[in-house]
C-alpha atoms as a PDB file:
ATOM      1  CA  UNK A   1      19.210  -5.980 -25.690  1.00  0.00           C
ATOM      2  CA  UNK A   2      18.459  -7.583 -29.039  1.00  0.00           C
ATOM      3  CA  UNK A   3      20.614 -10.585 -29.916  1.00  0.00           C
ATOM      4  CA  UNK A   4      20.744 -11.866 -33.478  1.00  0.00           C
ATOM      5  CA  UNK A   5      21.782 -15.210 -34.926  1.00  0.00           C
ATOM      6  CA  UNK A   6      22.075 -16.061 -38.619  1.00  0.00           C
ATOM      7  CA  UNK A   7      20.705 -19.492 -39.483  1.00  0.00           C
ATOM      8  CA  UNK A   8      20.529 -21.231 -42.847  1.00  0.00           C
ATOM      9  CA  UNK A   9      17.377 -22.915 -44.018  1.00  0.00           C
ATOM     10  CA  UNK A  10      15.200 -23.710 -46.993  1.00  0.00           C
ATOM     11  CA  UNK A  11      11.573 -23.711 -48.103  1.00  0.00           C
ATOM     12  CA  UNK A  12      10.234 -27.264 -48.607  1.00  0.00           C
ATOM     13  CA  UNK A  13       7.210 -26.138 -50.603  1.00  0.00           C
ATOM     14  CA  UNK A  14       5.024 -25.628 -47.539  1.00  0.00           C
ATOM     15  CA  UNK A  15       7.214 -24.532 -44.609  1.00  0.00           C
ATOM     16  CA  UNK A  16      10.456 -22.707 -43.936  1.00  0.00           C
ATOM     17  CA  UNK A  17      12.796 -25.282 -42.387  1.00  0.00           C
ATOM     18  CA  UNK A  18      16.080 -24.677 -40.580  1.00  0.00           C
ATOM     19  CA  UNK A  19      19.014 -26.683 -41.925  1.00  0.00           C
ATOM     20  CA  UNK A  20      20.318 -27.266 -38.386  1.00  0.00           C
ATOM     21  CA  UNK A  21      18.413 -27.605 -35.102  1.00  0.00           C
ATOM     22  CA  UNK A  22      18.209 -24.405 -33.086  1.00  0.00           C
ATOM     23  CA  UNK A  23      16.487 -24.100 -29.700  1.00  0.00           C
ATOM     24  CA  UNK A  24      14.157 -21.107 -29.440  1.00  0.00           C
ATOM     25  CA  UNK A  25      10.958 -20.324 -27.615  1.00  0.00           C
ATOM     26  CA  UNK A  26       7.556 -20.318 -29.309  1.00  0.00           C
ATOM     27  CA  UNK A  27       6.606 -16.934 -30.776  1.00  0.00           C
ATOM     28  CA  UNK A  28      10.256 -15.849 -31.031  1.00  0.00           C
ATOM     29  CA  UNK A  29      10.295 -13.079 -33.666  1.00  0.00           C
ATOM     30  CA  UNK A  30      12.398 -13.818 -36.747  1.00  0.00           C
ATOM     31  CA  UNK A  31      13.415 -11.916 -39.883  1.00  0.00           C
ATOM     32  CA  UNK A  32      13.645 -13.921 -43.086  1.00  0.00           C
ATOM     33  CA  UNK A  33      15.671 -12.880 -46.136  1.00  0.00           C
ATOM     34  CA  UNK A  34      14.754 -14.707 -49.339  1.00  0.00           C
ATOM     35  CA  UNK A  35      17.711 -15.532 -51.592  1.00  0.00           C
ATOM     36  CA  UNK A  36      17.314 -16.710 -55.153  1.00  0.00           C
ATOM     37  CA  UNK A  37      18.581 -20.176 -56.021  1.00  0.00           C
ATOM     38  CA  UNK A  38      21.212 -18.579 -58.293  1.00  0.00           C
ATOM     39  CA  UNK A  39      22.512 -16.473 -55.393  1.00  0.00           C
ATOM     40  CA  UNK A  40      23.219 -19.530 -53.247  1.00  0.00           C
ATOM     41  CA  UNK A  41      24.741 -21.651 -56.020  1.00  0.00           C
ATOM     42  CA  UNK A  42      28.179 -21.054 -54.533  1.00  0.00           C
ATOM     43  CA  UNK A  43      28.729 -20.761 -50.783  1.00  0.00           C
ATOM     44  CA  UNK A  44      31.065 -17.771 -51.250  1.00  0.00           C
ATOM     45  CA  UNK A  45      28.361 -16.036 -53.256  1.00  0.00           C
ATOM     46  CA  UNK A  46      25.902 -16.690 -50.424  1.00  0.00           C
ATOM     47  CA  UNK A  47      28.122 -15.051 -47.805  1.00  0.00           C
ATOM     48  CA  UNK A  48      28.925 -12.124 -50.106  1.00  0.00           C
ATOM     49  CA  UNK A  49      25.230 -11.550 -50.762  1.00  0.00           C
ATOM     50  CA  UNK A  50      24.401 -11.884 -47.055  1.00  0.00           C
ATOM     51  CA  UNK A  51      27.097  -9.316 -46.191  1.00  0.00           C
ATOM     52  CA  UNK A  52      25.764  -6.970 -48.869  1.00  0.00           C
ATOM     53  CA  UNK A  53      22.167  -7.293 -47.628  1.00  0.00           C
ATOM     54  CA  UNK A  54      23.248  -6.807 -44.000  1.00  0.00           C
ATOM     55  CA  UNK A  55      25.305  -3.708 -44.805  1.00  0.00           C
ATOM     56  CA  UNK A  56      22.492  -2.328 -46.923  1.00  0.00           C
ATOM     57  CA  UNK A  57      20.112  -2.777 -43.983  1.00  0.00           C
ATOM     58  CA  UNK A  58      22.589  -1.288 -41.482  1.00  0.00           C
ATOM     59  CA  UNK A  59      23.233   1.828 -43.574  1.00  0.00           C
ATOM     60  CA  UNK A  60      19.762   2.336 -45.015  1.00  0.00           C
ATOM     61  CA  UNK A  61      17.945   5.654 -45.150  1.00  0.00           C
ATOM     62  CA  UNK A  62      16.275   4.600 -41.889  1.00  0.00           C
ATOM     63  CA  UNK A  63      19.617   4.679 -40.056  1.00  0.00           C
ATOM     64  CA  UNK A  64      19.280   6.974 -37.022  1.00  0.00           C
ATOM     65  CA  UNK A  65      21.533   9.991 -36.730  1.00  0.00           C
ATOM     66  CA  UNK A  66      23.963   9.830 -33.802  1.00  0.00           C
ATOM     67  CA  UNK A  67      25.236  13.028 -32.219  1.00  0.00           C
ATOM     68  CA  UNK A  68      28.528  13.319 -30.293  1.00  0.00           C
ATOM     69  CA  UNK A  69      26.772  13.033 -26.928  1.00  0.00           C
ATOM     70  CA  UNK A  70      25.404   9.615 -27.864  1.00  0.00           C
ATOM     71  CA  UNK A  71      28.828   8.211 -28.789  1.00  0.00           C
ATOM     72  CA  UNK A  72      31.078   7.045 -25.954  1.00  0.00           C
ATOM     73  CA  UNK A  73      34.803   6.594 -26.328  1.00  0.00           C
END
């Protein structure tokens, strides 16, 4: 099962740096979303943009079709 964790960070000009320590193994795959400086000017704007990007990814044209047999109640 794939577990996800959202972490904040920044680019220092050479490397992408996490803003808080987070323990992970070497070669752990990550996905990075680049936000413009304007988008993160206000914390509320950051979370709104992150929600928008996440929903856009979740309901993209690559979303698999689920039939009734695949859905459990």
